[in-house]
């Protein structure tokens, strides 16, 4: 049976800003967790053909603006990955964990690249020059 849970936008545990935290995880009415490999939720929202600062790459020339996904921060040790419109757990996720994904594994030619401790986060470049 799938877990039920609550997603909350709150102060991030990993950056100075907001993040998407998961809480109240239950399975069959008992406290539980999201299992590695399990779909956490589906991204829903307007699709754009070019990336913006707040969109998530979901397919060729498809970038979705999901009102919860905009708060999923980058991590080199993420809790989830993006598989088309699915947010999938890459490790067991417990109450209070922040949902994150590695932008370098999903995003194509990010609109707003940045550095983390000297490591460039710019997505998968499709430039051929």
N, C-alpha and C. Protein backbone atom coordinates (compact mmCIF):
# COMPACT_ATOMS: atom_id res chain seq x y z
N UNK A 1 0.83 -1.18 0.00
CA UNK A 1 0.00 0.00 0.00
C UNK A 1 0.88 1.25 0.00
N UNK A 2 0.46 2.26 -0.74
CA UNK A 2 1.20 3.52 -0.80
C UNK A 2 1.10 4.27 0.52
N UNK A 3 2.11 5.01 0.82
CA UNK A 3 2.13 5.83 2.03
C UNK A 3 1.31 7.09 1.80
N UNK A 4 0.77 7.62 2.88
CA UNK A 4 0.16 8.95 2.82
C UNK A 4 1.07 9.87 3.63
N UNK A 5 1.05 11.16 3.31
CA UNK A 5 1.97 12.09 3.95
C UNK A 5 1.53 13.51 3.68
N UNK A 6 2.24 14.44 4.27
CA UNK A 6 1.98 15.86 4.07
C UNK A 6 3.26 16.52 3.57
N UNK A 7 3.15 17.37 2.55
CA UNK A 7 4.27 18.16 2.05
C UNK A 7 4.09 19.59 2.51
N UNK A 8 5.14 20.18 3.07
CA UNK A 8 5.06 21.52 3.62
C UNK A 8 6.24 22.35 3.14
N UNK A 9 5.95 23.56 2.68
CA UNK A 9 7.01 24.51 2.35
C UNK A 9 7.37 25.22 3.64
N UNK A 10 8.63 25.12 4.02
CA UNK A 10 9.09 25.71 5.27
C UNK A 10 10.57 26.07 5.13
N UNK A 11 11.17 26.55 6.19
CA UNK A 11 12.60 26.87 6.14
C UNK A 11 13.38 25.62 5.80
N UNK A 12 14.29 25.74 4.84
CA UNK A 12 15.11 24.62 4.40
C UNK A 12 16.12 24.24 5.47
N UNK A 13 16.44 22.95 5.49
CA UNK A 13 17.49 22.45 6.38
C UNK A 13 18.86 22.54 5.72
N UNK A 14 18.89 22.79 4.39
CA UNK A 14 20.18 22.73 3.68
C UNK A 14 20.62 24.04 3.04
N UNK A 15 19.70 24.98 2.86
CA UNK A 15 20.07 26.28 2.29
C UNK A 15 19.44 27.38 3.12
N UNK A 16 19.84 28.60 2.88
CA UNK A 16 19.22 29.76 3.51
C UNK A 16 18.04 30.15 2.64
N UNK A 17 16.90 29.56 2.88
CA UNK A 17 15.70 29.80 2.09
C UNK A 17 14.66 28.75 2.41
N UNK A 18 13.72 28.58 1.53
CA UNK A 18 12.63 27.64 1.73
C UNK A 18 12.96 26.28 1.14
N UNK A 19 12.30 25.25 1.65
CA UNK A 19 12.46 23.89 1.15
C UNK A 19 11.15 23.15 1.26
N UNK A 20 11.09 21.96 0.66
CA UNK A 20 9.88 21.13 0.67
C UNK A 20 10.12 19.96 1.62
N UNK A 21 9.45 19.98 2.77
CA UNK A 21 9.62 18.93 3.78
C UNK A 21 8.43 17.99 3.78
N UNK A 22 8.71 16.74 4.11
CA UNK A 22 7.68 15.72 4.17
C UNK A 22 7.44 15.37 5.64
N UNK A 23 6.17 15.16 6.00
CA UNK A 23 5.84 14.82 7.38
C UNK A 23 4.58 13.98 7.43
N UNK A 24 4.25 13.51 8.61
CA UNK A 24 3.04 12.71 8.86
C UNK A 24 2.95 11.52 7.92
N UNK A 25 4.07 10.84 7.70
CA UNK A 25 4.08 9.68 6.81
C UNK A 25 3.42 8.50 7.52
N UNK A 26 2.39 7.95 6.89
CA UNK A 26 1.73 6.76 7.44
C UNK A 26 1.55 5.74 6.33
N UNK A 27 1.49 4.49 6.75
CA UNK A 27 1.24 3.38 5.83
C UNK A 27 0.32 2.43 6.58
N UNK A 28 -0.84 2.16 6.03
CA UNK A 28 -1.84 1.32 6.69
C UNK A 28 -2.20 1.87 8.07
N UNK A 29 -2.23 3.20 8.21
CA UNK A 29 -2.63 3.82 9.46
C UNK A 29 -1.55 3.88 10.53
N UNK A 30 -0.38 3.35 10.26
CA UNK A 30 0.72 3.36 11.23
C UNK A 30 1.85 4.26 10.72
N UNK A 31 2.67 4.77 11.65
CA UNK A 31 3.81 5.57 11.20
C UNK A 31 4.65 4.78 10.20
N UNK A 32 5.15 5.48 9.19
CA UNK A 32 5.90 4.79 8.15
C UNK A 32 6.94 5.67 7.52
N UNK A 33 7.36 5.28 6.33
CA UNK A 33 8.36 6.03 5.57
C UNK A 33 8.10 5.76 4.09
N UNK A 34 8.70 6.59 3.23
CA UNK A 34 8.64 6.39 1.79
C UNK A 34 9.81 5.48 1.43
N UNK A 35 9.52 4.39 0.77
CA UNK A 35 10.56 3.42 0.43
C UNK A 35 11.36 3.86 -0.79
N UNK A 36 12.65 3.54 -0.77
CA UNK A 36 13.52 3.80 -1.93
C UNK A 36 12.88 3.19 -3.17
N UNK A 37 12.82 3.96 -4.27
CA UNK A 37 12.23 3.50 -5.51
C UNK A 37 10.75 3.79 -5.64
N UNK A 38 10.12 4.22 -4.55
CA UNK A 38 8.68 4.52 -4.56
C UNK A 38 8.43 5.93 -5.11
N UNK A 39 7.35 6.07 -5.88
CA UNK A 39 6.96 7.40 -6.36
C UNK A 39 6.44 8.20 -5.18
N UNK A 40 6.97 9.41 -5.02
CA UNK A 40 6.53 10.28 -3.93
C UNK A 40 5.29 11.04 -4.38
N UNK A 41 5.38 11.71 -5.51
CA UNK A 41 4.21 12.40 -6.08
C UNK A 41 4.46 12.72 -7.54
N UNK A 42 3.41 13.14 -8.23
CA UNK A 42 3.50 13.54 -9.64
C UNK A 42 3.61 15.06 -9.73
N UNK A 43 4.50 15.52 -10.59
CA UNK A 43 4.60 16.95 -10.86
C UNK A 43 3.40 17.37 -11.71
N UNK A 44 2.76 18.45 -11.31
CA UNK A 44 1.58 18.95 -12.01
C UNK A 44 1.76 20.45 -12.22
N UNK A 45 1.46 20.92 -13.42
CA UNK A 45 1.54 22.35 -13.65
C UNK A 45 1.71 22.69 -15.11
N UNK A 46 1.92 23.96 -15.35
CA UNK A 46 2.07 24.47 -16.71
C UNK A 46 3.41 24.01 -17.28
N UNK A 47 3.40 23.64 -18.57
CA UNK A 47 4.59 23.17 -19.28
C UNK A 47 5.12 24.31 -20.16
N UNK A 48 6.43 24.52 -20.09
CA UNK A 48 7.10 25.51 -20.93
C UNK A 48 8.08 24.79 -21.85
N UNK A 49 8.42 25.42 -22.99
CA UNK A 49 9.37 24.78 -23.90
C UNK A 49 10.82 25.19 -23.63
N UNK A 50 11.02 26.11 -22.68
CA UNK A 50 12.36 26.53 -22.28
C UNK A 50 12.42 26.57 -20.76
N UNK A 51 13.62 26.34 -20.20
CA UNK A 51 13.74 26.37 -18.75
C UNK A 51 13.60 27.78 -18.20
N UNK A 52 13.04 27.87 -17.00
CA UNK A 52 13.03 29.11 -16.23
C UNK A 52 13.68 28.80 -14.89
N UNK A 53 13.85 29.80 -14.07
CA UNK A 53 14.47 29.60 -12.76
C UNK A 53 13.69 28.60 -11.91
N UNK A 54 12.39 28.50 -12.11
CA UNK A 54 11.55 27.69 -11.22
C UNK A 54 10.94 26.45 -11.88
N UNK A 55 11.35 26.12 -13.11
CA UNK A 55 10.79 24.93 -13.75
C UNK A 55 11.70 23.73 -13.56
N UNK A 56 11.12 22.54 -13.77
CA UNK A 56 11.85 21.28 -13.68
C UNK A 56 11.77 20.60 -15.03
N UNK A 57 12.91 20.16 -15.54
CA UNK A 57 12.97 19.49 -16.84
C UNK A 57 12.32 18.11 -16.73
N UNK A 58 11.33 17.83 -17.60
CA UNK A 58 10.63 16.54 -17.56
C UNK A 58 10.69 15.79 -18.89
N UNK A 59 11.26 16.39 -19.90
CA UNK A 59 11.34 15.75 -21.22
C UNK A 59 11.89 16.75 -22.23
N UNK A 60 12.10 16.27 -23.44
CA UNK A 60 12.67 17.13 -24.48
C UNK A 60 11.82 18.38 -24.67
N UNK A 61 12.43 19.54 -24.46
CA UNK A 61 11.75 20.84 -24.56
C UNK A 61 10.51 20.92 -23.69
N UNK A 62 10.53 20.23 -22.55
CA UNK A 62 9.41 20.28 -21.60
C UNK A 62 9.94 20.58 -20.20
N UNK A 63 9.48 21.70 -19.67
CA UNK A 63 9.89 22.17 -18.34
C UNK A 63 8.62 22.54 -17.60
N UNK A 64 8.40 21.90 -16.45
CA UNK A 64 7.14 22.07 -15.73
C UNK A 64 7.30 23.01 -14.55
N UNK A 65 6.29 23.86 -14.36
CA UNK A 65 6.21 24.72 -13.18
C UNK A 65 5.24 24.05 -12.22
N UNK A 66 5.78 23.39 -11.21
CA UNK A 66 4.97 22.69 -10.21
C UNK A 66 5.03 23.51 -8.92
N UNK A 67 3.88 23.86 -8.35
CA UNK A 67 3.85 24.77 -7.20
C UNK A 67 4.56 24.22 -5.97
N UNK A 68 4.74 22.92 -5.87
CA UNK A 68 5.53 22.34 -4.77
C UNK A 68 6.98 22.13 -5.22
N UNK A 69 7.13 21.70 -6.46
CA UNK A 69 8.46 21.40 -6.99
C UNK A 69 9.40 22.59 -7.01
N UNK A 70 8.84 23.79 -7.09
CA UNK A 70 9.71 24.98 -7.10
C UNK A 70 10.50 25.11 -5.80
N UNK A 71 10.08 24.38 -4.76
CA UNK A 71 10.78 24.43 -3.47
C UNK A 71 11.69 23.22 -3.24
N UNK A 72 11.82 22.37 -4.26
CA UNK A 72 12.75 21.24 -4.14
C UNK A 72 14.16 21.74 -4.46
N UNK A 73 14.99 21.77 -3.46
CA UNK A 73 16.35 22.29 -3.61
C UNK A 73 17.29 21.26 -4.21
N UNK A 74 18.41 21.77 -4.72
CA UNK A 74 19.47 20.92 -5.25
C UNK A 74 20.24 20.26 -4.11
N UNK A 75 20.68 19.03 -4.32
CA UNK A 75 21.59 18.35 -3.41
C UNK A 75 22.44 17.36 -4.20
N UNK A 76 23.73 17.25 -3.83
CA UNK A 76 24.58 16.22 -4.42
C UNK A 76 24.30 14.87 -3.77
N UNK A 77 23.56 14.86 -2.65
CA UNK A 77 23.12 13.64 -1.97
C UNK A 77 21.60 13.73 -1.81
N UNK A 78 20.86 13.67 -2.92
CA UNK A 78 19.42 13.95 -2.91
C UNK A 78 18.58 12.84 -2.29
N UNK A 79 17.36 13.22 -1.93
CA UNK A 79 16.38 12.23 -1.45
C UNK A 79 15.53 11.69 -2.59
N UNK A 80 15.47 12.42 -3.71
CA UNK A 80 14.63 12.00 -4.84
C UNK A 80 15.35 12.22 -6.16
N UNK A 81 14.73 11.71 -7.22
CA UNK A 81 15.15 12.00 -8.60
C UNK A 81 13.88 12.30 -9.38
N UNK A 82 14.04 12.94 -10.50
CA UNK A 82 12.91 13.26 -11.37
C UNK A 82 12.91 12.27 -12.52
N UNK A 83 11.78 11.61 -12.73
CA UNK A 83 11.60 10.67 -13.83
C UNK A 83 10.35 11.10 -14.59
N UNK A 84 10.57 11.91 -15.64
CA UNK A 84 9.49 12.56 -16.36
C UNK A 84 8.68 13.38 -15.36
N UNK A 85 7.41 13.07 -15.13
CA UNK A 85 6.60 13.85 -14.18
C UNK A 85 6.59 13.26 -12.77
N UNK A 86 7.36 12.20 -12.56
CA UNK A 86 7.36 11.53 -11.25
C UNK A 86 8.54 11.98 -10.40
N UNK A 87 8.26 12.24 -9.13
CA UNK A 87 9.29 12.45 -8.13
C UNK A 87 9.44 11.12 -7.42
N UNK A 88 10.63 10.50 -7.53
CA UNK A 88 10.86 9.14 -7.06
C UNK A 88 11.93 9.15 -5.96
N UNK A 89 11.69 8.42 -4.88
CA UNK A 89 12.66 8.34 -3.77
C UNK A 89 13.90 7.58 -4.21
N UNK A 90 15.08 8.14 -3.97
CA UNK A 90 16.33 7.43 -4.26
C UNK A 90 16.92 6.82 -2.99
N UNK A 91 16.29 7.09 -1.87
CA UNK A 91 16.65 6.49 -0.58
C UNK A 91 15.38 6.49 0.26
N UNK A 92 15.36 5.74 1.33
CA UNK A 92 14.21 5.78 2.22
C UNK A 92 14.06 7.20 2.76
N UNK A 93 12.82 7.70 2.78
CA UNK A 93 12.53 9.07 3.22
C UNK A 93 11.67 8.99 4.47
N UNK A 94 12.07 9.74 5.50
CA UNK A 94 11.40 9.71 6.79
C UNK A 94 10.81 11.07 7.13
N UNK A 95 9.91 11.10 8.15
CA UNK A 95 9.32 12.35 8.61
C UNK A 95 10.40 13.40 8.84
N UNK A 96 10.16 14.60 8.33
CA UNK A 96 11.08 15.70 8.53
C UNK A 96 12.17 15.82 7.49
N UNK A 97 12.28 14.83 6.59
CA UNK A 97 13.28 14.92 5.52
C UNK A 97 12.87 15.97 4.50
N UNK A 98 13.86 16.60 3.91
CA UNK A 98 13.61 17.57 2.84
C UNK A 98 13.70 16.85 1.50
N UNK A 99 12.74 17.12 0.62
CA UNK A 99 12.78 16.54 -0.73
C UNK A 99 13.73 17.38 -1.58
N UNK A 100 14.75 16.73 -2.11
CA UNK A 100 15.76 17.38 -2.93
C UNK A 100 16.04 16.51 -4.14
N UNK A 101 16.65 17.09 -5.17
CA UNK A 101 17.14 16.30 -6.30
C UNK A 101 18.41 16.95 -6.83
N UNK A 102 19.20 16.19 -7.56
CA UNK A 102 20.46 16.69 -8.11
C UNK A 102 20.16 17.34 -9.46
N UNK A 103 20.21 18.65 -9.49
CA UNK A 103 19.91 19.38 -10.73
C UNK A 103 20.82 18.97 -11.87
N UNK A 104 22.06 18.58 -11.57
CA UNK A 104 23.00 18.20 -12.62
C UNK A 104 22.62 16.89 -13.30
N UNK A 105 21.73 16.11 -12.71
CA UNK A 105 21.31 14.85 -13.30
C UNK A 105 20.02 14.96 -14.09
N UNK A 106 19.33 16.09 -13.97
CA UNK A 106 18.00 16.22 -14.57
C UNK A 106 17.87 17.41 -15.50
N UNK A 107 18.31 18.56 -15.04
CA UNK A 107 18.06 19.80 -15.76
C UNK A 107 18.91 19.90 -17.02
N UNK A 108 18.35 20.52 -18.06
CA UNK A 108 19.04 20.76 -19.32
C UNK A 108 19.24 22.27 -19.48
N UNK A 109 20.50 22.68 -19.62
CA UNK A 109 20.80 24.11 -19.82
C UNK A 109 20.00 25.00 -18.87
N UNK A 110 20.31 24.92 -17.60
CA UNK A 110 19.59 25.66 -16.57
C UNK A 110 19.54 27.15 -16.86
N UNK A 111 18.41 27.76 -16.53
CA UNK A 111 18.23 29.20 -16.73
C UNK A 111 19.11 30.00 -15.76
N UNK A 112 19.34 29.48 -14.56
CA UNK A 112 20.11 30.19 -13.54
C UNK A 112 21.11 29.26 -12.87
N UNK A 113 22.22 28.95 -13.54
CA UNK A 113 23.24 28.09 -12.92
C UNK A 113 23.84 28.75 -11.68
N UNK A 114 24.45 27.96 -10.81
CA UNK A 114 25.08 28.47 -9.60
C UNK A 114 26.19 27.52 -9.17
N UNK A 115 26.95 27.91 -8.15
CA UNK A 115 28.03 27.08 -7.60
C UNK A 115 27.67 26.66 -6.18
N UNK A 116 28.07 25.45 -5.81
CA UNK A 116 27.96 24.95 -4.44
C UNK A 116 29.35 24.51 -4.03
N UNK A 117 29.94 25.21 -3.09
CA UNK A 117 31.29 24.89 -2.60
C UNK A 117 32.27 24.71 -3.76
N UNK A 118 32.18 25.59 -4.74
CA UNK A 118 33.10 25.56 -5.87
C UNK A 118 32.73 24.59 -6.98
N UNK A 119 31.63 23.86 -6.82
CA UNK A 119 31.19 22.92 -7.86
C UNK A 119 30.05 23.56 -8.63
N UNK A 120 30.17 23.58 -9.95
CA UNK A 120 29.16 24.19 -10.80
C UNK A 120 27.90 23.33 -10.87
N UNK A 121 26.76 23.98 -10.68
CA UNK A 121 25.46 23.33 -10.84
C UNK A 121 24.78 24.05 -12.00
N UNK A 122 24.81 23.41 -13.17
CA UNK A 122 24.27 24.05 -14.37
C UNK A 122 23.43 23.09 -15.20
N UNK A 123 23.23 21.89 -14.71
CA UNK A 123 22.45 20.91 -15.44
C UNK A 123 23.28 20.20 -16.49
N UNK A 124 22.60 19.39 -17.27
CA UNK A 124 23.23 18.65 -18.36
C UNK A 124 23.26 19.55 -19.57
N UNK A 125 24.40 20.02 -19.97
CA UNK A 125 24.50 20.92 -21.10
C UNK A 125 24.29 20.17 -22.41
N UNK A 126 23.51 20.77 -23.30
CA UNK A 126 23.33 20.21 -24.63
C UNK A 126 24.08 21.03 -25.67
N UNK A 127 24.86 22.00 -25.19
CA UNK A 127 25.66 22.81 -26.12
C UNK A 127 26.73 21.94 -26.75
N UNK A 128 26.99 22.17 -28.03
CA UNK A 128 27.99 21.36 -28.73
C UNK A 128 29.26 22.14 -29.03
N UNK A 129 29.36 23.42 -28.57
CA UNK A 129 30.59 24.17 -28.83
C UNK A 129 31.64 23.93 -27.79
